[in-house]
PDB file of N, CA and C in Angstrom:
ATOM      1  N   MET A   1      35.957-115.068-124.451  1.00  0.00           N
ATOM      2  CA  MET A   1      35.904-115.955-123.061  1.00  0.00           C
ATOM      3  C   MET A   1      37.430-115.887-122.204  1.00  0.00           C
ATOM      4  N   SER A   2      37.254-115.381-120.670  1.00  0.00           N
ATOM      5  CA  SER A   2      39.013-115.947-120.436  1.00  0.00           C
ATOM      6  C   SER A   2      38.916-117.382-119.785  1.00  0.00           C
ATOM      7  N   THR A   3      39.784-117.966-119.759  1.00  0.00           N
ATOM      8  CA  THR A   3      40.019-119.461-118.815  1.00  0.00           C
ATOM      9  C   THR A   3      41.290-119.067-118.483  1.00  0.00           C
ATOM     10  N   GLN A   4      41.870-120.057-117.165  1.00  0.00           N
ATOM     11  CA  GLN A   4      42.595-120.414-116.462  1.00  0.00           C
ATOM     12  C   GLN A   4      43.805-120.840-117.251  1.00  0.00           C
ATOM     13  N   TRP A   5      44.733-120.825-117.671  1.00  0.00           N
ATOM     14  CA  TRP A   5      46.263-121.362-118.247  1.00  0.00           C
ATOM     15  C   TRP A   5      47.458-121.929-117.120  1.00  0.00           C
ATOM     16  N   ILE A   6      47.770-122.429-117.778  1.00  0.00           N
ATOM     17  CA  ILE A   6      48.723-123.353-116.914  1.00  0.00           C
ATOM     18  C   ILE A   6      50.324-122.564-118.349  1.00  0.00           C
ATOM     19  N   ILE A   7      51.484-121.645-118.026  1.00  0.00           N
ATOM     20  CA  ILE A   7      51.819-121.466-118.467  1.00  0.00           C
ATOM     21  C   ILE A   7      53.080-122.176-118.379  1.00  0.00           C
ATOM     22  N   LYS A   8      54.122-122.633-119.494  1.00  0.00           N
ATOM     23  CA  LYS A   8      54.920-124.097-119.239  1.00  0.00           C
ATOM     24  C   LYS A   8      56.216-123.556-119.929  1.00  0.00           C
ATOM     25  N   ASP A   9      57.700-124.072-119.648  1.00  0.00           N
ATOM     26  CA  ASP A   9      58.672-123.714-120.429  1.00  0.00           C
ATOM     27  C   ASP A   9      58.766-124.778-121.394  1.00  0.00           C
ATOM     28  N   ALA A  10      60.204-124.335-121.987  1.00  0.00           N
ATOM     29  CA  ALA A  10      59.723-125.824-122.895  1.00  0.00           C
ATOM     30  C   ALA A  10      60.508-127.201-122.055  1.00  0.00           C
ATOM     31  N   ASP A  11      60.833-127.344-121.000  1.00  0.00           N
ATOM     32  CA  ASP A  11      60.843-128.762-120.722  1.00  0.00           C
ATOM     33  C   ASP A  11      59.351-128.815-120.139  1.00  0.00           C
ATOM     34  N   GLY A  12      58.122-128.154-120.368  1.00  0.00           N
ATOM     35  CA  GLY A  12      57.045-128.856-120.078  1.00  0.00           C
ATOM     36  C   GLY A  12      56.656-128.218-118.337  1.00  0.00           C
ATOM     37  N   ASN A  13      58.093-127.471-118.060  1.00  0.00           N
ATOM     38  CA  ASN A  13      57.274-127.104-116.115  1.00  0.00           C
ATOM     39  C   ASN A  13      56.498-126.246-116.172  1.00  0.00           C
ATOM     40  N   MET A  14      55.516-126.307-115.435  1.00  0.00           N
ATOM     41  CA  MET A  14      55.012-124.824-115.033  1.00  0.00           C
ATOM     42  C   MET A  14      55.795-123.975-114.669  1.00  0.00           C
ATOM     43  N   VAL A  15      55.467-122.323-115.730  1.00  0.00           N
ATOM     44  CA  VAL A  15      55.892-121.238-114.918  1.00  0.00           C
ATOM     45  C   VAL A  15      54.818-120.196-114.213  1.00  0.00           C
ATOM     46  N   ASN A  16      54.088-120.249-114.393  1.00  0.00           N
ATOM     47  CA  ASN A  16      52.631-119.094-114.034  1.00  0.00           C
ATOM     48  C   ASN A  16      51.496-120.315-114.459  1.00  0.00           C
ATOM     49  N   SER A  17      50.541-118.963-113.892  1.00  0.00           N
ATOM     50  CA  SER A  17      49.121-119.575-114.245  1.00  0.00           C
ATOM     51  C   SER A  17      48.810-118.577-114.581  1.00  0.00           C
ATOM     52  N   ILE A  18      47.382-118.874-115.467  1.00  0.00           N
ATOM     53  CA  ILE A  18      46.876-117.224-115.543  1.00  0.00           C
ATOM     54  C   ILE A  18      45.844-117.347-115.749  1.00  0.00           C
ATOM     55  N   VAL A  19      44.632-116.163-116.404  1.00  0.00           N
ATOM     56  CA  VAL A  19      43.184-116.181-116.734  1.00  0.00           C
ATOM     57  C   VAL A  19      44.013-115.127-117.665  1.00  0.00           C
ATOM     58  N   ALA A  20      43.527-116.096-119.538  1.00  0.00           N
ATOM     59  CA  ALA A  20      43.047-114.925-120.087  1.00  0.00           C
ATOM     60  C   ALA A  20      42.285-115.354-121.145  1.00  0.00           C
ATOM     61  N   ASP A  21      42.375-114.579-122.206  1.00  0.00           N
ATOM     62  CA  ASP A  21      41.863-115.460-123.522  1.00  0.00           C
ATOM     63  C   ASP A  21      42.493-116.221-124.416  1.00  0.00           C
ATOM     64  N   GLU A  22      42.242-116.918-124.806  1.00  0.00           N
ATOM     65  CA  GLU A  22      42.541-118.337-125.751  1.00  0.00           C
ATOM     66  C   GLU A  22      43.789-117.195-126.319  1.00  0.00           C
ATOM     67  N   ASP A  23      43.186-116.181-127.326  1.00  0.00           N
ATOM     68  CA  ASP A  23      43.801-115.666-128.691  1.00  0.00           C
ATOM     69  C   ASP A  23      45.236-115.259-128.086  1.00  0.00           C
ATOM     70  N   PHE A  24      44.796-114.425-126.189  1.00  0.00           N
ATOM     71  CA  PHE A  24      46.108-113.894-125.563  1.00  0.00           C
ATOM     72  C   PHE A  24      47.356-115.005-126.177  1.00  0.00           C
ATOM     73  N   VAL A  25      46.805-115.513-125.125  1.00  0.00           N
ATOM     74  CA  VAL A  25      48.050-117.029-125.016  1.00  0.00           C
ATOM     75  C   VAL A  25      48.412-117.663-126.089  1.00  0.00           C
ATOM     76  N   LYS A  26      47.768-117.757-127.214  1.00  0.00           N
ATOM     77  CA  LYS A  26      48.178-118.653-127.895  1.00  0.00           C
ATOM     78  C   LYS A  26      49.481-117.056-128.765  1.00  0.00           C
ATOM     79  N   ALA A  27      48.649-115.903-129.197  1.00  0.00           N
ATOM     80  CA  ALA A  27      49.787-115.065-129.585  1.00  0.00           C
ATOM     81  C   ALA A  27      50.787-114.966-128.438  1.00  0.00           C
ATOM     82  N   ASN A  28      51.175-115.262-127.287  1.00  0.00           N
ATOM     83  CA  ASN A  28      51.912-115.109-126.331  1.00  0.00           C
ATOM     84  C   ASN A  28      53.035-115.833-125.763  1.00  0.00           C
ATOM     85  N   TYR A  29      52.527-116.656-126.059  1.00  0.00           N
ATOM     86  CA  TYR A  29      53.312-118.175-125.331  1.00  0.00           C
ATOM     87  C   TYR A  29      53.375-119.198-126.388  1.00  0.00           C
ATOM     88  N   ASP A  30      54.642-120.057-126.134  1.00  0.00           N
ATOM     89  CA  ASP A  30      54.699-121.343-126.982  1.00  0.00           C
ATOM     90  C   ASP A  30      54.091-122.358-126.361  1.00  0.00           C
ATOM     91  N   TYR A  31      53.960-122.401-124.803  1.00  0.00           N
ATOM     92  CA  TYR A  31      54.300-123.858-124.085  1.00  0.00           C
ATOM     93  C   TYR A  31      52.587-123.573-123.556  1.00  0.00           C
ATOM     94  N   TYR A  32      51.491-123.876-123.331  1.00  0.00           N
ATOM     95  CA  TYR A  32      50.746-123.897-122.759  1.00  0.00           C
ATOM     96  C   TYR A  32      49.552-124.767-121.681  1.00  0.00           C
ATOM     97  N   GLU A  33      48.443-125.364-121.281  1.00  0.00           N
ATOM     98  CA  GLU A  33      47.336-125.645-121.427  1.00  0.00           C
ATOM     99  C   GLU A  33      45.874-125.688-120.832  1.00  0.00           C
ATOM    100  N   VAL A  34      45.066-125.372-120.783  1.00  0.00           N
ATOM    101  CA  VAL A  34      43.916-124.904-119.971  1.00  0.00           C
ATOM    102  C   VAL A  34      44.016-125.957-118.898  1.00  0.00           C
ATOM    103  N   ASP A  35      43.741-125.205-117.414  1.00  0.00           N
ATOM    104  CA  ASP A  35      44.354-125.139-115.803  1.00  0.00           C
ATOM    105  C   ASP A  35      42.847-126.164-115.585  1.00  0.00           C
ATOM    106  N   ASN A  36      42.929-127.217-115.853  1.00  0.00           N
ATOM    107  CA  ASN A  36      41.832-127.933-115.055  1.00  0.00           C
ATOM    108  C   ASN A  36      41.537-128.144-113.854  1.00  0.00           C
ATOM    109  N   ARG A  37      42.977-127.746-113.163  1.00  0.00           N
ATOM    110  CA  ARG A  37      42.938-127.838-111.481  1.00  0.00           C
ATOM    111  C   ARG A  37      41.861-127.656-110.704  1.00  0.00           C
ATOM    112  N   GLU A  38      41.367-128.346-109.845  1.00  0.00           N
ATOM    113  CA  GLU A  38      40.038-127.298-108.783  1.00  0.00           C
ATOM    114  C   GLU A  38      40.697-126.707-107.925  1.00  0.00           C
ATOM    115  N   PHE A  39      39.975-125.403-107.484  1.00  0.00           N
ATOM    116  CA  PHE A  39      40.527-124.572-106.613  1.00  0.00           C
ATOM    117  C   PHE A  39      39.669-124.570-105.348  1.00  0.00           C
ATOM    118  N   ILE A  40      40.415-125.059-104.238  1.00  0.00           N
ATOM    119  CA  ILE A  40      39.933-125.291-103.067  1.00  0.00           C
ATOM    120  C   ILE A  40      40.156-124.495-102.220  1.00  0.00           C
ATOM    121  N   PRO A  41      39.742-123.669-101.971  1.00  0.00           N
ATOM    122  CA  PRO A  41      40.274-122.490-101.185  1.00  0.00           C
ATOM    123  C   PRO A  41      40.595-122.922 -99.253  1.00  0.00           C
ATOM    124  N   PRO A  42      41.721-123.174 -98.886  1.00  0.00           N
ATOM    125  CA  PRO A  42      42.032-122.954 -97.583  1.00  0.00           C
ATOM    126  C   PRO A  42      40.604-123.094 -96.764  1.00  0.00           C
ATOM    127  N   MET A  43      40.898-123.777 -95.392  1.00  0.00           N
ATOM    128  CA  MET A  43      39.925-123.923 -93.997  1.00  0.00           C
ATOM    129  C   MET A  43      39.976-122.966 -93.364  1.00  0.00           C
ATOM    130  N   PRO A  44      39.741-122.484 -93.118  1.00  0.00           N
ATOM    131  CA  PRO A  44      39.810-120.820 -91.647  1.00  0.00           C
ATOM    132  C   PRO A  44      40.697-121.598 -90.530  1.00  0.00           C
ATOM    133  N   THR A  45      41.054-120.795 -89.801  1.00  0.00           N
ATOM    134  CA  THR A  45      41.983-121.515 -88.618  1.00  0.00           C
ATOM    135  C   THR A  45      40.369-121.206 -87.697  1.00  0.00           C
ATOM    136  N   GLU A  46      40.449-121.856 -86.716  1.00  0.00           N
ATOM    137  CA  GLU A  46      39.569-121.670 -85.799  1.00  0.00           C
ATOM    138  C   GLU A  46      39.846-120.414 -84.997  1.00  0.00           C
ATOM    139  N   GLU A  47      41.126-119.401 -85.125  1.00  0.00           N
ATOM    140  CA  GLU A  47      41.377-118.344 -84.468  1.00  0.00           C
ATOM    141  C   GLU A  47      40.966-117.210 -85.464  1.00  0.00           C
ATOM    142  N   GLU A  48      40.711-117.592 -87.060  1.00  0.00           N
ATOM    143  CA  GLU A  48      40.247-116.981 -87.939  1.00  0.00           C
ATOM    144  C   GLU A  48      38.597-116.634 -87.707  1.00  0.00           C
ATOM    145  N   ILE A  49      37.919-118.147 -87.381  1.00  0.00           N
ATOM    146  CA  ILE A  49      36.573-117.965 -87.582  1.00  0.00           C
ATOM    147  C   ILE A  49      35.921-117.445 -85.688  1.00  0.00           C
ATOM    148  N   GLN A  50      36.878-117.687 -85.348  1.00  0.00           N
ATOM    149  CA  GLN A  50      36.432-116.891 -83.401  1.00  0.00           C
ATOM    150  C   GLN A  50      36.907-115.295 -84.176  1.00  0.00           C
ATOM    151  N   ARG A  51      37.954-114.700 -84.728  1.00  0.00           N
ATOM    152  CA  ARG A  51      37.609-113.348 -85.235  1.00  0.00           C
ATOM    153  C   ARG A  51      36.892-113.025 -85.424  1.00  0.00           C
ATOM    154  N   THR A  52      35.987-113.751 -87.102  1.00  0.00           N
ATOM    155  CA  THR A  52      35.384-113.224 -87.278  1.00  0.00           C
ATOM    156  C   THR A  52      33.850-113.442 -86.400  1.00  0.00           C
ATOM    157  N   TRP A  53      33.591-113.979 -85.794  1.00  0.00           N
ATOM    158  CA  TRP A  53      32.536-113.723 -84.751  1.00  0.00           C
ATOM    159  C   TRP A  53      32.635-112.677 -83.858  1.00  0.00           C
ATOM    160  N   ARG A  54      33.413-112.761 -83.156  1.00  0.00           N
ATOM    161  CA  ARG A  54      34.143-111.566 -82.625  1.00  0.00           C
ATOM    162  C   ARG A  54      33.246-110.082 -83.529  1.00  0.00           C
ATOM    163  N   ASN A  55      34.342-110.111 -84.227  1.00  0.00           N
ATOM    164  CA  ASN A  55      33.551-108.730 -85.207  1.00  0.00           C
ATOM    165  C   ASN A  55      32.556-108.680 -85.743  1.00  0.00           C
ATOM    166  N   THR A  56      31.928-109.703 -85.914  1.00  0.00           N
ATOM    167  CA  THR A  56      29.907-109.452 -86.193  1.00  0.00           C
ATOM    168  C   THR A  56      29.625-108.708 -84.497  1.00  0.00           C
ATOM    169  N   GLU A  57      30.104-109.675 -83.865  1.00  0.00           N
ATOM    170  CA  GLU A  57      29.465-109.198 -82.147  1.00  0.00           C
ATOM    171  C   GLU A  57      30.008-107.771 -82.002  1.00  0.00           C
ATOM    172  N   LEU A  58      30.690-107.266 -82.271  1.00  0.00           N
ATOM    173  CA  LEU A  58      31.129-106.071 -82.491  1.00  0.00           C
ATOM    174  C   LEU A  58      30.180-104.879 -83.016  1.00  0.00           C
ATOM    175  N   GLU A  59      29.642-104.974 -84.452  1.00  0.00           N
ATOM    176  CA  GLU A  59      29.179-104.350 -85.361  1.00  0.00           C
ATOM    177  C   GLU A  59      28.004-104.668 -84.994  1.00  0.00           C
ATOM    178  N   ARG A  60      27.225-106.110 -84.861  1.00  0.00           N
ATOM    179  CA  ARG A  60      25.868-106.036 -83.908  1.00  0.00           C
ATOM    180  C   ARG A  60      25.506-105.372 -82.965  1.00  0.00           C
ATOM    181  N   THR A  61      26.826-104.791 -81.814  1.00  0.00           N
ATOM    182  CA  THR A  61      26.050-104.449 -80.860  1.00  0.00           C
ATOM    183  C   THR A  61      26.967-102.647 -80.763  1.00  0.00           C
ATOM    184  N   ASP A  62      27.146-102.488 -81.934  1.00  0.00           N
ATOM    185  CA  ASP A  62      27.540-100.837 -82.345  1.00  0.00           C
ATOM    186  C   ASP A  62      26.402 -99.988 -81.972  1.00  0.00           C
ATOM    187  N   LEU A  63      25.201-100.025 -82.602  1.00  0.00           N
ATOM    188  CA  LEU A  63      24.247 -98.924 -82.702  1.00  0.00           C
ATOM    189  C   LEU A  63      23.557 -98.888 -81.086  1.00  0.00           C
ATOM    190  N   LEU A  64      23.317-100.439 -80.795  1.00  0.00           N
ATOM    191  CA  LEU A  64      23.178-100.521 -78.909  1.00  0.00           C
ATOM    192  C   LEU A  64      23.575 -99.502 -78.270  1.00  0.00           C
ATOM    193  N   LEU A  65      24.725 -99.276 -78.337  1.00  0.00           N
ATOM    194  CA  LEU A  65      25.473 -98.104 -77.562  1.00  0.00           C
ATOM    195  C   LEU A  65      25.384 -97.042 -77.591  1.00  0.00           C
ATOM    196  N   LEU A  66      24.956 -96.685 -79.353  1.00  0.00           N
ATOM    197  CA  LEU A  66      24.420 -95.290 -79.143  1.00  0.00           C
ATOM    198  C   LEU A  66      22.944 -94.602 -78.802  1.00  0.00           C
ATOM    199  N   LEU A  67      22.334 -96.238 -78.028  1.00  0.00           N
ATOM    200  CA  LEU A  67      21.105 -95.923 -77.666  1.00  0.00           C
ATOM    201  C   LEU A  67      21.576 -95.239 -75.424  1.00  0.00           C
ATOM    202  N   PRO A  68      20.789 -93.583 -75.501  1.00  0.00           N
ATOM    203  CA  PRO A  68      21.508 -93.486 -73.925  1.00  0.00           C
ATOM    204  C   PRO A  68      20.632 -93.943 -73.044  1.00  0.00           C
ATOM    205  N   ASP A  69      19.148 -94.523 -73.542  1.00  0.00           N
ATOM    206  CA  ASP A  69      18.832 -95.286 -72.075  1.00  0.00           C
ATOM    207  C   ASP A  69      18.503 -97.044 -72.525  1.00  0.00           C
ATOM    208  N   HIS A  70      19.562 -97.238 -73.316  1.00  0.00           N
ATOM    209  CA  HIS A  70      19.839 -98.864 -73.316  1.00  0.00           C
ATOM    210  C   HIS A  70      19.852 -99.390 -71.479  1.00  0.00           C
ATOM    211  N   PRO A  71      18.789-100.260 -72.006  1.00  0.00           N
ATOM    212  CA  PRO A  71      18.991-100.527 -70.421  1.00  0.00           C
ATOM    213  C   PRO A  71      19.881-101.290 -69.663  1.00  0.00           C
ATOM    214  N   ASP A  72      20.651-101.932 -70.666  1.00  0.00           N
ATOM    215  CA  ASP A  72      22.070-102.518 -70.164  1.00  0.00           C
ATOM    216  C   ASP A  72      23.212-102.209 -70.542  1.00  0.00           C
ATOM    217  N   LYS A  73      23.208-100.897 -70.909  1.00  0.00           N
ATOM    218  CA  LYS A  73      24.316-100.283 -71.142  1.00  0.00           C
ATOM    219  C   LYS A  73      25.434-100.740 -70.961  1.00  0.00           C
ATOM    220  N   ASP A  74      25.261-100.454 -69.431  1.00  0.00           N
ATOM    221  CA  ASP A  74      26.919-100.789 -68.509  1.00  0.00           C
ATOM    222  C   ASP A  74      27.334-102.363 -68.480  1.00  0.00           C
ATOM    223  N   SER A  75      26.132-103.085 -69.379  1.00  0.00           N
ATOM    224  CA  SER A  75      26.699-104.846 -69.433  1.00  0.00           C
ATOM    225  C   SER A  75      27.220-104.636 -70.830  1.00  0.00           C
ATOM    226  N   LEU A  76      27.043-104.237 -71.400  1.00  0.00           N
ATOM    227  CA  LEU A  76      27.440-104.187 -72.934  1.00  0.00           C
ATOM    228  C   LEU A  76      28.185-103.620 -73.168  1.00  0.00           C
ATOM    229  N   THR A  77      28.757-102.332 -72.503  1.00  0.00           N
ATOM    230  CA  THR A  77      30.157-102.028 -72.670  1.00  0.00           C
ATOM    231  C   THR A  77      31.124-102.475 -71.847  1.00  0.00           C
ATOM    232  N   THR A  78      31.072-103.555 -70.755  1.00  0.00           N
ATOM    233  CA  THR A  78      31.687-104.286 -70.645  1.00  0.00           C
ATOM    234  C   THR A  78      31.600-105.389 -71.568  1.00  0.00           C
ATOM    235  N   TYR A  79      30.937-105.966 -71.898  1.00  0.00           N
ATOM    236  CA  TYR A  79      30.424-106.899 -72.993  1.00  0.00           C
ATOM    237  C   TYR A  79      31.662-106.634 -74.322  1.00  0.00           C
ATOM    238  N   ARG A  80      31.370-105.639 -75.068  1.00  0.00           N
ATOM    239  CA  ARG A  80      32.015-105.257 -75.848  1.00  0.00           C
ATOM    240  C   ARG A  80      34.015-105.290 -75.551  1.00  0.00           C
ATOM    241  N   GLN A  81      34.044-104.747 -74.339  1.00  0.00           N
ATOM    242  CA  GLN A  81      35.776-103.885 -73.857  1.00  0.00           C
ATOM    243  C   GLN A  81      35.818-105.791 -73.544  1.00  0.00           C
ATOM    244  N   LYS A  82      35.249-106.535 -73.307  1.00  0.00           N
ATOM    245  CA  LYS A  82      35.921-108.238 -73.162  1.00  0.00           C
ATOM    246  C   LYS A  82      35.959-108.596 -74.567  1.00  0.00           C
ATOM    247  N   LEU A  83      34.941-108.389 -75.853  1.00  0.00           N
ATOM    248  CA  LEU A  83      35.528-108.918 -76.834  1.00  0.00           C
ATOM    249  C   LEU A  83      36.503-108.137 -77.652  1.00  0.00           C
ATOM    250  N   ARG A  84      37.067-107.203 -76.995  1.00  0.00           N
ATOM    251  CA  ARG A  84      37.852-106.141 -77.750  1.00  0.00           C
ATOM    252  C   ARG A  84      39.553-107.074 -77.112  1.00  0.00           C
ATOM    253  N   ASP A  85      39.141-107.014 -76.074  1.00  0.00           N
ATOM    254  CA  ASP A  85      40.599-107.929 -75.292  1.00  0.00           C
ATOM    255  C   ASP A  85      40.786-109.454 -75.267  1.00  0.00           C
ATOM    256  N   TRP A  86      39.883-110.208 -76.014  1.00  0.00           N
ATOM    257  CA  TRP A  86      39.538-111.794 -76.222  1.00  0.00           C
ATOM    258  C   TRP A  86      40.754-112.088 -77.052  1.00  0.00           C
ATOM    259  N   PRO A  87      41.451-111.753 -78.223  1.00  0.00           N
ATOM    260  CA  PRO A  87      42.089-112.365 -78.462  1.00  0.00           C
ATOM    261  C   PRO A  87      43.346-112.003 -78.608  1.00  0.00           C
ATOM    262  N   SER A  88      44.239-111.076 -76.802  1.00  0.00           N
ATOM    263  CA  SER A  88      45.038-111.454 -76.510  1.00  0.00           C
ATOM    264  C   SER A  88      45.560-112.418 -74.830  1.00  0.00           C
ATOM    265  N   THR A  89      43.993-112.893 -75.057  1.00  0.00           N
ATOM    266  CA  THR A  89      43.915-113.600 -73.807  1.00  0.00           C
ATOM    267  C   THR A  89      44.392-114.753 -73.480  1.00  0.00           C
ATOM    268  N   GLY A  90      44.540-115.899 -73.030  1.00  0.00           N
ATOM    269  CA  GLY A  90      44.209-117.400 -72.924  1.00  0.00           C
ATOM    270  C   GLY A  90      43.562-118.289 -73.015  1.00  0.00           C
ATOM    271  N   ASP A  91      42.319-117.324 -73.289  1.00  0.00           N
ATOM    272  CA  ASP A  91      40.630-117.957 -73.258  1.00  0.00           C
ATOM    273  C   ASP A  91      40.932-117.672 -75.057  1.00  0.00           C
ATOM    274  N   PHE A  92      41.513-117.271 -75.401  1.00  0.00           N
ATOM    275  CA  PHE A  92      40.810-117.301 -77.144  1.00  0.00           C
ATOM    276  C   PHE A  92      41.812-118.447 -77.919  1.00  0.00           C
ATOM    277  N   PRO A  93      41.204-118.803 -78.555  1.00  0.00           N
ATOM    278  CA  PRO A  93      39.936-118.713 -79.335  1.00  0.00           C
ATOM    279  C   PRO A  93      39.022-119.777 -78.502  1.00  0.00           C
ATOM    280  N   ASN A  94      39.312-120.582 -77.198  1.00  0.00           N
ATOM    281  CA  ASN A  94      38.279-121.432 -76.827  1.00  0.00           C
ATOM    282  C   ASN A  94      36.770-121.069 -76.189  1.00  0.00           C
ATOM    283  N   THR A  95      37.322-119.977 -75.759  1.00  0.00           N
ATOM    284  CA  THR A  95      36.120-119.422 -74.840  1.00  0.00           C
ATOM    285  C   THR A  95      35.808-117.536 -75.817  1.00  0.00           C
ATOM    286  N   GLN A  96      34.195-118.006 -75.798  1.00  0.00           N
ATOM    287  CA  GLN A  96      34.112-116.577 -75.710  1.00  0.00           C
ATOM    288  C   GLN A  96      33.342-115.743 -74.628  1.00  0.00           C
ATOM    289  N   PRO A  97      33.585-114.493 -75.024  1.00  0.00           N
ATOM    290  CA  PRO A  97      33.219-113.958 -74.126  1.00  0.00           C
ATOM    291  C   PRO A  97      31.552-113.933 -73.934  1.00  0.00           C
ATOM    292  N   THR A  98      30.609-113.615 -73.044  1.00  0.00           N
ATOM    293  CA  THR A  98      29.623-113.983 -73.170  1.00  0.00           C
ATOM    294  C   THR A  98      28.742-112.725 -72.376  1.00  0.00           C
ATOM    295  N   LEU A  99      27.329-111.945 -72.486  1.00  0.00           N
ATOM    296  CA  LEU A  99      27.019-110.810 -72.530  1.00  0.00           C
ATOM    297  C   LEU A  99      26.289-111.059 -70.792  1.00  0.00           C
TER     298      LEU A  99
END
């Protein structure tokens, strides 16, 4: 079973963190300990959240544009262009484009 390990130097300073089997660590390193630190992923920034929303909106509306008789095709085309332009405007990330 693989475990997260802290590899240390002779003075006890951390030099690396690896995932490996205990036998591998014991065979290759003189100083080590199990890494019990809890990994907390960083929170996404507001820009990252809004880009994810924008990408989802573009994906959601992709197939609608392929319908030649979609009743709001012109509005949808304009909306998608606003979505693509949004990150380069002063409104980003505070004001989402609307359909």
